[in-house]
Amino acid sequence: MKFSKALGRCLLTLLVLLTAAWVVLALHYCLPWSPVGKLAACVLWGAFALAAIALLWRGGVGRALLAYGVAFAMLLGWWARIEPSDSRAWTDDVSRHLQASQAGSVVTLGNVRNFDWRGDTDYTPRWESRRYDLDRLRSVDVALSYWMGPAIAHTLVSFGFDDGQGGTEQVAFSIEIRKERGESFSAIAGFFKQFELSLIAADERDILRVRTNVRGEDLYLYRVAMPPAAMRSLFLAYIAEADALARQPRFYDTLTANCTTIVYEMAQTIVGGLPLDWRLLASGYLPEYLNDVGALVPGHALSTLRSAGRITDRAQAANADPRFSQAIRRGVPSIEATP
């Protein structure tokens, strides 16, 4: 009996400690107060949690749980009222929403980004309107840009359209944080409603080149094996997601709403049967996941696809090449051969 009581109190103590840690971080990131005010709020909540634990171990389990539970419920009410915004001082590269209209098979995209990047803060902004015929959609590529070790990569998806002149025209989509001026990304802050979501459609010479040639990231390109109907549906899913974000802002979440999980949700809706996997979170290992589910071009070992798909050096060499998309794909297995 004594053991079960002690075990129960240990579990309740752990629950209070875990929730208190979450609350302290939520207060730190979300309270619209000065640093001193935030610190005071965090210290007060920590002291309150410790007092609840002390009362719990002195026999006042019911009073401790009631007091802490009511306070925690009130804080959850505050948390639920924190809403995403569409009106902040956004950085130039995420300042506009993607716009789209469709007439038959032709989709017109407005606010396609095509910046000329010379440095992270040195660029010529350029937003364009482009038309894409879904009947000419020929390919889907996944690009992974490694910026923090082998486990973490930013996921982009690029669609290739027959340009009618023997080549392809690419447009790449990227789901990322909608960064404010002076703001930087933090994976921990991403759990606490610190960033809104942005969906960017861009020329590859903008959105891929800035990562390899300006930010020093390591970028890999993989052709995805998809039937034409699925490619078309995925493209339209991106458009639908962009429309939804333009109508109603949404928070980025490091775990549930990021550059990979949202793409997974779209693909799951289209093809179905895709398993949940830890590699959807550790997106640096996404090629292994795609290979396991049969989503990469067949007939090549993953090591071959990875080695040939590393386009960093080719992107740097093609810095000023107007045919950037063609240059980075030279030597990538089955890219040219896939109809």
C-alpha atoms as a PDB file:
ATOM      1  CA  MET A   1       0.000   0.000   0.000  1.00  0.00           C
ATOM      2  CA  LYS A   2       2.788   2.400   0.941  1.00  0.00           C
ATOM      3  CA  PHE A   3       4.636   1.474  -2.242  1.00  0.00           C
ATOM      4  CA  SER A   4       1.605   2.175  -4.445  1.00  0.00           C
ATOM      5  CA  LYS A   5       1.064   5.553  -2.755  1.00  0.00           C
ATOM      6  CA  ALA A   6       4.703   6.475  -3.213  1.00  0.00           C
ATOM      7  CA  LEU A   7       4.603   5.367  -6.852  1.00  0.00           C
ATOM      8  CA  GLY A   8       1.468   7.416  -7.442  1.00  0.00           C
ATOM      9  CA  ARG A   9       3.049  10.494  -5.907  1.00  0.00           C
ATOM     10  CA  CYS A  10       6.179   9.983  -8.007  1.00  0.00           C
ATOM     11  CA  LEU A  11       4.101   9.850 -11.166  1.00  0.00           C
ATOM     12  CA  LEU A  12       2.125  12.945 -10.160  1.00  0.00           C
ATOM     13  CA  THR A  13       5.376  14.742  -9.354  1.00  0.00           C
ATOM     14  CA  LEU A  14       6.725  13.866 -12.781  1.00  0.00           C
ATOM     15  CA  LEU A  15       3.518  15.132 -14.387  1.00  0.00           C
ATOM     16  CA  VAL A  16       3.761  18.448 -12.533  1.00  0.00           C
ATOM     17  CA  LEU A  17       7.442  18.841 -13.435  1.00  0.00           C
ATOM     18  CA  LEU A  18       6.848  18.126 -17.136  1.00  0.00           C
ATOM     19  CA  THR A  19       3.867  20.463 -17.403  1.00  0.00           C
ATOM     20  CA  ALA A  20       5.723  23.122 -15.427  1.00  0.00           C
ATOM     21  CA  ALA A  21       8.670  22.907 -17.842  1.00  0.00           C
ATOM     22  CA  TRP A  22       6.267  23.359 -20.773  1.00  0.00           C
ATOM     23  CA  VAL A  23       4.576  26.315 -19.074  1.00  0.00           C
ATOM     24  CA  VAL A  24       7.887  28.038 -18.326  1.00  0.00           C
ATOM     25  CA  LEU A  25       8.909  27.763 -21.985  1.00  0.00           C
ATOM     26  CA  ALA A  26       5.483  28.937 -23.162  1.00  0.00           C
ATOM     27  CA  LEU A  27       5.689  31.963 -20.872  1.00  0.00           C
ATOM     28  CA  HIS A  28       9.246  32.684 -21.977  1.00  0.00           C
ATOM     29  CA  TYR A  29       8.408  32.627 -25.682  1.00  0.00           C
ATOM     30  CA  CYS A  30       4.846  33.937 -25.776  1.00  0.00           C
ATOM     31  CA  LEU A  31       4.337  36.522 -23.042  1.00  0.00           C
ATOM     32  CA  PRO A  32       4.366  40.002 -24.638  1.00  0.00           C
ATOM     33  CA  TRP A  33       6.398  41.372 -21.731  1.00  0.00           C
ATOM     34  CA  SER A  34       9.900  42.647 -21.161  1.00  0.00           C
ATOM     35  CA  PRO A  35      12.654  40.089 -20.464  1.00  0.00           C
ATOM     36  CA  VAL A  36      12.482  40.948 -16.752  1.00  0.00           C
ATOM     37  CA  GLY A  37       8.712  40.446 -16.711  1.00  0.00           C
ATOM     38  CA  LYS A  38       9.017  37.123 -18.494  1.00  0.00           C
ATOM     39  CA  LEU A  39      11.685  35.952 -16.068  1.00  0.00           C
ATOM     40  CA  ALA A  40       9.524  36.920 -13.103  1.00  0.00           C
ATOM     41  CA  ALA A  41       6.538  35.006 -14.526  1.00  0.00           C
ATOM     42  CA  CYS A  42       8.682  31.909 -15.130  1.00  0.00           C
ATOM     43  CA  VAL A  43      10.131  32.043 -11.593  1.00  0.00           C
ATOM     44  CA  LEU A  44       6.662  32.457 -10.052  1.00  0.00           C
ATOM     45  CA  TRP A  45       5.275  29.479 -11.977  1.00  0.00           C
ATOM     46  CA  GLY A  46       8.278  27.368 -11.022  1.00  0.00           C
ATOM     47  CA  ALA A  47       7.811  28.268  -7.360  1.00  0.00           C
ATOM     48  CA  PHE A  48       4.097  27.494  -7.628  1.00  0.00           C
ATOM     49  CA  ALA A  49       4.853  24.072  -9.144  1.00  0.00           C
ATOM     50  CA  LEU A  50       7.375  23.280  -6.397  1.00  0.00           C
ATOM     51  CA  ALA A  51       4.847  24.325  -3.749  1.00  0.00           C
ATOM     52  CA  ALA A  52       2.251  22.004  -5.327  1.00  0.00           C
ATOM     53  CA  ILE A  53       4.755  19.137  -5.264  1.00  0.00           C
ATOM     54  CA  ALA A  54       5.602  19.828  -1.619  1.00  0.00           C
ATOM     55  CA  LEU A  55       1.905  19.824  -0.699  1.00  0.00           C
ATOM     56  CA  LEU A  56       1.429  16.607  -2.638  1.00  0.00           C
ATOM     57  CA  TRP A  57       4.132  14.815  -0.609  1.00  0.00           C
ATOM     58  CA  ARG A  58       2.803  16.141   2.691  1.00  0.00           C
ATOM     59  CA  GLY A  59      -0.518  14.416   2.182  1.00  0.00           C
ATOM     60  CA  GLY A  60      -2.508  17.163   0.516  1.00  0.00           C
ATOM     61  CA  VAL A  61      -2.859  15.362  -2.814  1.00  0.00           C
ATOM     62  CA  GLY A  62      -6.357  16.597  -3.530  1.00  0.00           C
ATOM     63  CA  ARG A  63      -5.593  20.246  -2.715  1.00  0.00           C
ATOM     64  CA  ALA A  64      -2.339  20.153  -4.672  1.00  0.00           C
ATOM     65  CA  LEU A  65      -3.948  18.684  -7.771  1.00  0.00           C
ATOM     66  CA  LEU A  66      -6.944  21.047  -7.585  1.00  0.00           C
ATOM     67  CA  ALA A  67      -4.822  24.181  -7.236  1.00  0.00           C
ATOM     68  CA  TYR A  68      -2.328  23.183  -9.893  1.00  0.00           C
ATOM     69  CA  GLY A  69      -4.996  21.828 -12.239  1.00  0.00           C
ATOM     70  CA  VAL A  70      -7.068  25.019 -12.111  1.00  0.00           C
ATOM     71  CA  ALA A  71      -4.025  27.216 -12.707  1.00  0.00           C
ATOM     72  CA  PHE A  72      -2.842  25.015 -15.563  1.00  0.00           C
ATOM     73  CA  ALA A  73      -6.312  25.062 -17.166  1.00  0.00           C
ATOM     74  CA  MET A  74      -6.330  28.865 -17.007  1.00  0.00           C
ATOM     75  CA  LEU A  75      -2.942  28.972 -18.679  1.00  0.00           C
ATOM     76  CA  LEU A  76      -4.163  26.626 -21.426  1.00  0.00           C
ATOM     77  CA  GLY A  77      -7.029  29.040 -22.028  1.00  0.00           C
ATOM     78  CA  TRP A  78      -4.500  31.851 -22.525  1.00  0.00           C
ATOM     79  CA  TRP A  79      -2.454  29.609 -24.820  1.00  0.00           C
ATOM     80  CA  ALA A  80      -5.501  28.759 -26.969  1.00  0.00           C
ATOM     81  CA  ARG A  81      -6.184  32.447 -27.561  1.00  0.00           C
ATOM     82  CA  ILE A  82      -2.767  33.096 -29.124  1.00  0.00           C
ATOM     83  CA  GLU A  83      -3.602  33.416 -32.820  1.00  0.00           C
ATOM     84  CA  PRO A  84      -1.328  33.555 -35.875  1.00  0.00           C
ATOM     85  CA  SER A  85      -1.102  36.864 -37.701  1.00  0.00           C
ATOM     86  CA  ASP A  86      -0.874  37.946 -41.314  1.00  0.00           C
ATOM     87  CA  SER A  87       0.298  41.438 -40.420  1.00  0.00           C
ATOM     88  CA  ARG A  88       3.866  41.554 -39.185  1.00  0.00           C
ATOM     89  CA  ALA A  89       7.101  43.121 -40.414  1.00  0.00           C
ATOM     90  CA  TRP A  90       8.004  40.193 -42.670  1.00  0.00           C
ATOM     91  CA  THR A  91      11.372  39.788 -44.356  1.00  0.00           C
ATOM     92  CA  ASP A  92      11.249  40.517 -48.065  1.00  0.00           C
ATOM     93  CA  ASP A  93      11.598  36.908 -49.196  1.00  0.00           C
ATOM     94  CA  VAL A  94       8.391  35.786 -47.412  1.00  0.00           C
ATOM     95  CA  SER A  95       6.463  39.052 -47.598  1.00  0.00           C
ATOM     96  CA  ARG A  96       3.933  37.895 -50.199  1.00  0.00           C
ATOM     97  CA  HIS A  97       1.415  35.073 -50.435  1.00  0.00           C
ATOM     98  CA  LEU A  98       1.424  32.784 -53.430  1.00  0.00           C
ATOM     99  CA  GLN A  99      -1.664  33.426 -55.560  1.00  0.00           C
ATOM    100  CA  ALA A 100      -3.170  31.002 -58.057  1.00  0.00           C
ATOM    101  CA  SER A 101      -5.985  30.731 -60.570  1.00  0.00           C
ATOM    102  CA  GLN A 102      -6.865  27.854 -62.860  1.00  0.00           C
ATOM    103  CA  ALA A 103      -8.521  27.743 -66.279  1.00  0.00           C
ATOM    104  CA  GLY A 104      -8.788  24.172 -67.515  1.00  0.00           C
ATOM    105  CA  SER A 105      -5.338  22.616 -67.354  1.00  0.00           C
ATOM    106  CA  VAL A 106      -3.540  25.960 -67.118  1.00  0.00           C
ATOM    107  CA  VAL A 107      -2.609  27.292 -63.688  1.00  0.00           C
ATOM    108  CA  THR A 108      -1.463  30.886 -63.331  1.00  0.00           C
ATOM    109  CA  LEU A 109       0.713  31.577 -60.317  1.00  0.00           C
ATOM    110  CA  GLY A 110       1.177  35.070 -58.984  1.00  0.00           C
ATOM    111  CA  ASN A 111       3.998  36.107 -56.636  1.00  0.00           C
ATOM    112  CA  VAL A 112       6.433  33.462 -57.837  1.00  0.00           C
ATOM    113  CA  ARG A 113       9.714  34.442 -56.207  1.00  0.00           C
ATOM    114  CA  ASN A 114      12.741  34.950 -58.436  1.00  0.00           C
ATOM    115  CA  PHE A 115      15.211  36.947 -56.324  1.00  0.00           C
ATOM    116  CA  ASP A 116      18.762  37.490 -57.480  1.00  0.00           C
ATOM    117  CA  TRP A 117      20.784  36.651 -54.370  1.00  0.00           C
ATOM    118  CA  ARG A 118      24.303  37.998 -53.836  1.00  0.00           C
ATOM    119  CA  GLY A 119      24.254  37.554 -50.058  1.00  0.00           C
ATOM    120  CA  ASP A 120      21.747  36.833 -47.311  1.00  0.00           C
ATOM    121  CA  THR A 121      20.969  40.538 -47.020  1.00  0.00           C
ATOM    122  CA  ASP A 122      22.130  41.581 -50.489  1.00  0.00           C
ATOM    123  CA  TYR A 123      19.610  40.733 -53.183  1.00  0.00           C
ATOM    124  CA  THR A 124      17.394  42.123 -55.894  1.00  0.00           C
ATOM    125  CA  PRO A 125      13.750  41.286 -55.092  1.00  0.00           C
ATOM    126  CA  ARG A 126      11.653  40.094 -57.998  1.00  0.00           C
ATOM    127  CA  TRP A 127       8.129  38.640 -57.927  1.00  0.00           C
ATOM    128  CA  GLU A 128       6.668  37.229 -61.122  1.00  0.00           C
ATOM    129  CA  SER A 129       3.514  35.786 -62.618  1.00  0.00           C
ATOM    130  CA  ARG A 130       3.927  32.456 -64.417  1.00  0.00           C
ATOM    131  CA  ARG A 131       1.667  30.023 -66.218  1.00  0.00           C
ATOM    132  CA  TYR A 132       1.940  26.237 -66.061  1.00  0.00           C
ATOM    133  CA  ASP A 133       0.013  23.708 -68.132  1.00  0.00           C
ATOM    134  CA  LEU A 134      -0.738  20.642 -66.024  1.00  0.00           C
ATOM    135  CA  ASP A 135      -0.968  18.573 -69.209  1.00  0.00           C
ATOM    136  CA  ARG A 136       2.744  19.285 -69.661  1.00  0.00           C
ATOM    137  CA  LEU A 137       3.751  18.285 -66.135  1.00  0.00           C
ATOM    138  CA  ARG A 138       6.536  15.713 -66.520  1.00  0.00           C
ATOM    139  CA  SER A 139       8.427  15.277 -63.247  1.00  0.00           C
ATOM    140  CA  VAL A 140       8.575  15.733 -59.492  1.00  0.00           C
ATOM    141  CA  ASP A 141      11.886  16.091 -57.677  1.00  0.00           C
ATOM    142  CA  VAL A 142      12.589  16.267 -53.955  1.00  0.00           C
ATOM    143  CA  ALA A 143      15.435  18.535 -52.902  1.00  0.00           C
ATOM    144  CA  LEU A 144      17.002  18.216 -49.457  1.00  0.00           C
ATOM    145  CA  SER A 145      19.171  21.035 -48.180  1.00  0.00           C
ATOM    146  CA  TYR A 146      21.348  20.060 -45.209  1.00  0.00           C
ATOM    147  CA  TRP A 147      22.010  22.991 -42.900  1.00  0.00           C
ATOM    148  CA  MET A 148      22.585  21.382 -39.473  1.00  0.00           C
ATOM    149  CA  GLY A 149      24.243  17.978 -39.628  1.00  0.00           C
ATOM    150  CA  PRO A 150      23.155  14.741 -41.322  1.00  0.00           C
ATOM    151  CA  ALA A 151      19.787  14.406 -39.541  1.00  0.00           C
ATOM    152  CA  ILE A 152      18.292  17.800 -40.353  1.00  0.00           C
ATOM    153  CA  ALA A 153      17.469  19.002 -43.862  1.00  0.00           C
ATOM    154  CA  HIS A 154      15.011  21.417 -45.396  1.00  0.00           C
ATOM    155  CA  THR A 155      12.633  19.716 -47.826  1.00  0.00           C
ATOM    156  CA  LEU A 156      11.622  21.304 -51.124  1.00  0.00           C
ATOM    157  CA  VAL A 157       9.590  19.846 -53.983  1.00  0.00           C
ATOM    158  CA  SER A 158      10.181  20.884 -57.591  1.00  0.00           C
ATOM    159  CA  PHE A 159       7.847  20.284 -60.522  1.00  0.00           C
ATOM    160  CA  GLY A 160       9.125  20.027 -64.088  1.00  0.00           C
ATOM    161  CA  PHE A 161       7.011  21.094 -67.068  1.00  0.00           C
ATOM    162  CA  ASP A 162       7.699  20.465 -70.746  1.00  0.00           C
ATOM    163  CA  ASP A 163       8.570  23.924 -72.098  1.00  0.00           C
ATOM    164  CA  GLY A 164       7.688  22.950 -75.681  1.00  0.00           C
ATOM    165  CA  GLN A 165      11.271  23.539 -76.820  1.00  0.00           C
ATOM    166  CA  GLY A 166      12.850  20.246 -75.821  1.00  0.00           C
ATOM    167  CA  GLY A 167      13.547  21.283 -72.248  1.00  0.00           C
ATOM    168  CA  THR A 168      11.782  21.665 -68.929  1.00  0.00           C
ATOM    169  CA  GLU A 169      10.671  24.612 -66.841  1.00  0.00           C
ATOM    170  CA  GLN A 170      10.923  24.079 -63.097  1.00  0.00           C
ATOM    171  CA  VAL A 171       9.008  25.642 -60.247  1.00  0.00           C
ATOM    172  CA  ALA A 172       9.947  24.720 -56.685  1.00  0.00           C
ATOM    173  CA  PHE A 173       7.738  24.851 -53.594  1.00  0.00           C
ATOM    174  CA  SER A 174       9.063  25.396 -50.100  1.00  0.00           C
ATOM    175  CA  ILE A 175       7.145  25.338 -46.823  1.00  0.00           C
ATOM    176  CA  GLU A 176       9.046  27.333 -44.218  1.00  0.00           C
ATOM    177  CA  ILE A 177       8.692  29.816 -41.412  1.00  0.00           C
ATOM    178  CA  ARG A 178       7.400  33.250 -42.334  1.00  0.00           C
ATOM    179  CA  LYS A 179      10.276  35.092 -40.775  1.00  0.00           C
ATOM    180  CA  GLU A 180       9.960  38.592 -39.339  1.00  0.00           C
ATOM    181  CA  ARG A 181      12.689  41.176 -39.708  1.00  0.00           C
ATOM    182  CA  GLY A 182      15.440  40.483 -37.185  1.00  0.00           C
ATOM    183  CA  GLU A 183      14.045  37.030 -36.416  1.00  0.00           C
ATOM    184  CA  SER A 184      16.000  33.779 -36.619  1.00  0.00           C
ATOM    185  CA  PHE A 185      14.847  30.178 -36.580  1.00  0.00           C
ATOM    186  CA  SER A 186      14.872  28.115 -33.394  1.00  0.00           C
ATOM    187  CA  ALA A 187      13.657  24.520 -33.308  1.00  0.00           C
ATOM    188  CA  ILE A 188      12.598  24.906 -29.661  1.00  0.00           C
ATOM    189  CA  ALA A 189      10.751  28.164 -30.338  1.00  0.00           C
ATOM    190  CA  GLY A 190       8.996  26.319 -33.163  1.00  0.00           C
ATOM    191  CA  PHE A 191       7.038  24.362 -30.544  1.00  0.00           C
ATOM    192  CA  PHE A 192       5.674  27.574 -29.014  1.00  0.00           C
ATOM    193  CA  LYS A 193       3.766  29.530 -31.682  1.00  0.00           C
ATOM    194  CA  GLN A 194       6.712  31.738 -32.556  1.00  0.00           C
ATOM    195  CA  PHE A 195       6.534  31.456 -36.337  1.00  0.00           C
ATOM    196  CA  GLU A 196       3.794  31.581 -38.921  1.00  0.00           C
ATOM    197  CA  LEU A 197       3.915  29.263 -41.941  1.00  0.00           C
ATOM    198  CA  SER A 198       4.829  30.411 -45.417  1.00  0.00           C
ATOM    199  CA  LEU A 199       4.488  28.557 -48.711  1.00  0.00           C
ATOM    200  CA  ILE A 200       6.828  29.861 -51.381  1.00  0.00           C
ATOM    201  CA  ALA A 201       6.781  29.060 -55.091  1.00  0.00           C
ATOM    202  CA  ALA A 202      10.065  30.062 -56.680  1.00  0.00           C
ATOM    203  CA  ASP A 203      12.437  29.742 -59.568  1.00  0.00           C
ATOM    204  CA  GLU A 204      15.112  27.172 -58.733  1.00  0.00           C
ATOM    205  CA  ARG A 205      17.839  29.702 -59.451  1.00  0.00           C
ATOM    206  CA  ASP A 206      16.441  31.613 -56.503  1.00  0.00           C
ATOM    207  CA  ILE A 207      15.378  29.057 -53.935  1.00  0.00           C
ATOM    208  CA  LEU A 208      18.025  26.381 -54.513  1.00  0.00           C
ATOM    209  CA  ARG A 209      20.926  28.661 -55.407  1.00  0.00           C
ATOM    210  CA  VAL A 210      20.493  30.808 -52.278  1.00  0.00           C
ATOM    211  CA  ARG A 211      20.992  27.725 -50.137  1.00  0.00           C
ATOM    212  CA  THR A 212      24.075  26.372 -51.893  1.00  0.00           C
ATOM    213  CA  ASN A 213      25.770  29.559 -53.048  1.00  0.00           C
ATOM    214  CA  VAL A 214      24.853  32.040 -50.313  1.00  0.00           C
ATOM    215  CA  ARG A 215      24.121  30.091 -47.129  1.00  0.00           C
ATOM    216  CA  GLY A 216      26.647  27.311 -47.679  1.00  0.00           C
ATOM    217  CA  GLU A 217      24.177  24.446 -47.353  1.00  0.00           C
ATOM    218  CA  ASP A 218      24.666  21.016 -48.920  1.00  0.00           C
ATOM    219  CA  LEU A 219      21.895  20.156 -51.374  1.00  0.00           C
ATOM    220  CA  TYR A 220      20.744  16.836 -52.856  1.00  0.00           C
ATOM    221  CA  LEU A 221      18.179  16.222 -55.600  1.00  0.00           C
ATOM    222  CA  TYR A 222      16.110  13.050 -56.062  1.00  0.00           C
ATOM    223  CA  ARG A 223      13.622  12.201 -58.780  1.00  0.00           C
ATOM    224  CA  VAL A 224      10.354  10.881 -57.336  1.00  0.00           C
ATOM    225  CA  ALA A 225       8.575   8.050 -59.140  1.00  0.00           C
ATOM    226  CA  MET A 226       4.951   9.213 -59.401  1.00  0.00           C
ATOM    227  CA  PRO A 227       2.231   8.555 -61.978  1.00  0.00           C
ATOM    228  CA  PRO A 228       1.048  11.651 -63.883  1.00  0.00           C
ATOM    229  CA  ALA A 229      -2.274  11.842 -62.044  1.00  0.00           C
ATOM    230  CA  ALA A 230      -0.517  11.850 -58.670  1.00  0.00           C
ATOM    231  CA  MET A 231       1.960  14.525 -59.812  1.00  0.00           C
ATOM    232  CA  ARG A 232      -0.920  16.701 -60.919  1.00  0.00           C
ATOM    233  CA  SER A 233      -2.775  16.157 -57.639  1.00  0.00           C
ATOM    234  CA  LEU A 234       0.331  17.029 -55.614  1.00  0.00           C
ATOM    235  CA  PHE A 235       0.838  20.263 -57.534  1.00  0.00           C
ATOM    236  CA  LEU A 236      -2.811  21.226 -56.949  1.00  0.00           C
ATOM    237  CA  ALA A 237      -2.454  20.272 -53.262  1.00  0.00           C
ATOM    238  CA  TYR A 238       0.305  22.854 -52.947  1.00  0.00           C
ATOM    239  CA  ILE A 239      -1.992  25.434 -54.546  1.00  0.00           C
ATOM    240  CA  ALA A 240      -4.782  24.530 -52.132  1.00  0.00           C
ATOM    241  CA  GLU A 241      -2.395  24.832 -49.181  1.00  0.00           C
ATOM    242  CA  ALA A 242      -1.245  28.255 -50.397  1.00  0.00           C
ATOM    243  CA  ASP A 243      -4.868  29.405 -50.745  1.00  0.00           C
ATOM    244  CA  ALA A 244      -5.630  28.167 -47.224  1.00  0.00           C
ATOM    245  CA  LEU A 245      -2.654  30.051 -45.747  1.00  0.00           C
ATOM    246  CA  ALA A 246      -3.658  33.235 -47.574  1.00  0.00           C
ATOM    247  CA  ARG A 247      -7.167  32.985 -46.119  1.00  0.00           C
ATOM    248  CA  GLN A 248      -6.140  31.933 -42.612  1.00  0.00           C
ATOM    249  CA  PRO A 249      -2.598  32.191 -41.215  1.00  0.00           C
ATOM    250  CA  ARG A 250      -1.259  29.114 -39.485  1.00  0.00           C
ATOM    251  CA  PHE A 251       1.539  28.544 -37.014  1.00  0.00           C
ATOM    252  CA  TYR A 252       4.619  26.552 -37.902  1.00  0.00           C
ATOM    253  CA  ASP A 253       5.242  23.673 -35.502  1.00  0.00           C
ATOM    254  CA  THR A 254       8.586  21.890 -35.241  1.00  0.00           C
ATOM    255  CA  LEU A 255       6.847  18.547 -34.741  1.00  0.00           C
ATOM    256  CA  THR A 256       3.522  18.627 -36.578  1.00  0.00           C
ATOM    257  CA  ALA A 257       3.567  21.414 -39.176  1.00  0.00           C
ATOM    258  CA  ASN A 258       6.942  21.722 -40.848  1.00  0.00           C
ATOM    259  CA  CYS A 259       8.550  21.495 -44.277  1.00  0.00           C
ATOM    260  CA  THR A 260       8.297  17.686 -44.366  1.00  0.00           C
ATOM    261  CA  THR A 261       5.207  16.704 -42.386  1.00  0.00           C
ATOM    262  CA  ILE A 262       2.897  18.953 -44.414  1.00  0.00           C
ATOM    263  CA  VAL A 263       4.202  17.452 -47.660  1.00  0.00           C
ATOM    264  CA  TYR A 264       3.673  13.996 -46.143  1.00  0.00           C
ATOM    265  CA  GLU A 265       0.063  14.886 -45.330  1.00  0.00           C
ATOM    266  CA  MET A 266      -0.554  16.046 -48.896  1.00  0.00           C
ATOM    267  CA  ALA A 267       1.051  12.932 -50.380  1.00  0.00           C
ATOM    268  CA  GLN A 268      -0.844  10.675 -47.972  1.00  0.00           C
ATOM    269  CA  THR A 269      -4.130  12.176 -49.134  1.00  0.00           C
ATOM    270  CA  ILE A 270      -3.180  11.555 -52.765  1.00  0.00           C
ATOM    271  CA  VAL A 271      -1.623   8.081 -52.756  1.00  0.00           C
ATOM    272  CA  GLY A 272      -2.530   6.695 -49.307  1.00  0.00           C
ATOM    273  CA  GLY A 273      -0.809   3.933 -47.391  1.00  0.00           C
ATOM    274  CA  LEU A 274       2.324   5.906 -46.521  1.00  0.00           C
ATOM    275  CA  PRO A 275       3.603   4.787 -43.118  1.00  0.00           C
ATOM    276  CA  LEU A 276       4.410   7.184 -40.317  1.00  0.00           C
ATOM    277  CA  ASP A 277       8.127   7.083 -39.649  1.00  0.00           C
ATOM    278  CA  TRP A 278      10.694   8.833 -37.470  1.00  0.00           C
ATOM    279  CA  ARG A 279      12.531   9.867 -40.636  1.00  0.00           C
ATOM    280  CA  LEU A 280       9.706  12.292 -41.404  1.00  0.00           C
ATOM    281  CA  LEU A 281      10.974  14.284 -38.423  1.00  0.00           C
ATOM    282  CA  ALA A 282      14.682  13.593 -38.917  1.00  0.00           C
ATOM    283  CA  SER A 283      14.278  14.753 -42.504  1.00  0.00           C
ATOM    284  CA  GLY A 284      17.942  14.308 -43.325  1.00  0.00           C
ATOM    285  CA  TYR A 285      17.105  10.610 -43.612  1.00  0.00           C
ATOM    286  CA  LEU A 286      14.101  11.185 -45.864  1.00  0.00           C
ATOM    287  CA  PRO A 287      15.854   9.580 -48.883  1.00  0.00           C
ATOM    288  CA  GLU A 288      16.005   6.270 -46.970  1.00  0.00           C
ATOM    289  CA  TYR A 289      12.289   6.566 -46.215  1.00  0.00           C
ATOM    290  CA  LEU A 290      11.420   7.378 -49.834  1.00  0.00           C
ATOM    291  CA  ASN A 291      13.543   4.492 -51.028  1.00  0.00           C
ATOM    292  CA  ASP A 292      11.875   2.077 -48.597  1.00  0.00           C
ATOM    293  CA  VAL A 293       8.375   3.023 -49.797  1.00  0.00           C
ATOM    294  CA  GLY A 294       9.418   2.710 -53.450  1.00  0.00           C
ATOM    295  CA  ALA A 295       9.139   6.416 -54.217  1.00  0.00           C
ATOM    296  CA  LEU A 296      12.541   6.912 -55.853  1.00  0.00           C
ATOM    297  CA  VAL A 297      13.500   6.078 -59.414  1.00  0.00           C
ATOM    298  CA  PRO A 298      13.998   2.287 -59.574  1.00  0.00           C
ATOM    299  CA  GLY A 299      17.068   0.486 -60.799  1.00  0.00           C
ATOM    300  CA  HIS A 300      19.640   2.391 -58.753  1.00  0.00           C
ATOM    301  CA  ALA A 301      21.110   1.815 -55.334  1.00  0.00           C
ATOM    302  CA  LEU A 302      20.347   4.561 -52.850  1.00  0.00           C
ATOM    303  CA  SER A 303      24.065   5.225 -52.492  1.00  0.00           C
ATOM    304  CA  THR A 304      24.235   5.884 -56.236  1.00  0.00           C
ATOM    305  CA  LEU A 305      21.227   8.207 -56.131  1.00  0.00           C
ATOM    306  CA  ARG A 306      22.726  10.083 -53.190  1.00  0.00           C
ATOM    307  CA  SER A 307      26.192  10.420 -54.726  1.00  0.00           C
ATOM    308  CA  ALA A 308      24.934  11.549 -58.128  1.00  0.00           C
ATOM    309  CA  GLY A 309      22.163  13.643 -56.597  1.00  0.00           C
ATOM    310  CA  ARG A 310      24.528  15.895 -54.659  1.00  0.00           C
ATOM    311  CA  ILE A 311      24.182  19.069 -56.695  1.00  0.00           C
ATOM    312  CA  THR A 312      26.017  21.533 -54.426  1.00  0.00           C
ATOM    313  CA  ASP A 313      29.140  21.785 -56.587  1.00  0.00           C
ATOM    314  CA  ARG A 314      27.137  21.977 -59.811  1.00  0.00           C
ATOM    315  CA  ALA A 315      24.936  24.719 -58.339  1.00  0.00           C
ATOM    316  CA  GLN A 316      27.967  26.749 -57.341  1.00  0.00           C
ATOM    317  CA  ALA A 317      29.506  26.306 -60.786  1.00  0.00           C
ATOM    318  CA  ALA A 318      26.220  27.318 -62.460  1.00  0.00           C
ATOM    319  CA  ASN A 319      25.829  30.449 -60.341  1.00  0.00           C
ATOM    320  CA  ALA A 320      25.365  32.788 -63.319  1.00  0.00           C
ATOM    321  CA  ASP A 321      24.001  30.193 -65.752  1.00  0.00           C
ATOM    322  CA  PRO A 322      20.486  31.095 -66.976  1.00  0.00           C
ATOM    323  CA  ARG A 323      19.966  27.350 -67.529  1.00  0.00           C
ATOM    324  CA  PHE A 324      20.620  26.677 -63.848  1.00  0.00           C
ATOM    325  CA  SER A 325      17.976  23.942 -63.509  1.00  0.00           C
ATOM    326  CA  GLN A 326      19.403  21.966 -66.417  1.00  0.00           C
ATOM    327  CA  ALA A 327      22.980  22.397 -65.186  1.00  0.00           C
ATOM    328  CA  ILE A 328      22.334  21.045 -61.688  1.00  0.00           C
ATOM    329  CA  ARG A 329      20.580  17.959 -63.099  1.00  0.00           C
ATOM    330  CA  ARG A 330      23.452  16.761 -65.249  1.00  0.00           C
ATOM    331  CA  GLY A 331      24.406  13.273 -64.126  1.00  0.00           C
ATOM    332  CA  VAL A 332      21.459  12.789 -61.796  1.00  0.00           C
ATOM    333  CA  PRO A 333      20.228   9.219 -62.471  1.00  0.00           C
ATOM    334  CA  SER A 334      17.240   8.959 -64.766  1.00  0.00           C
ATOM    335  CA  ILE A 335      16.442  12.655 -64.611  1.00  0.00           C
ATOM    336  CA  GLU A 336      16.791  13.158 -68.348  1.00  0.00           C
ATOM    337  CA  ALA A 337      15.491   9.702 -69.199  1.00  0.00           C
ATOM    338  CA  THR A 338      12.266   9.828 -67.205  1.00  0.00           C
ATOM    339  CA  PRO A 339       9.391  10.850 -69.499  1.00  0.00           C
END
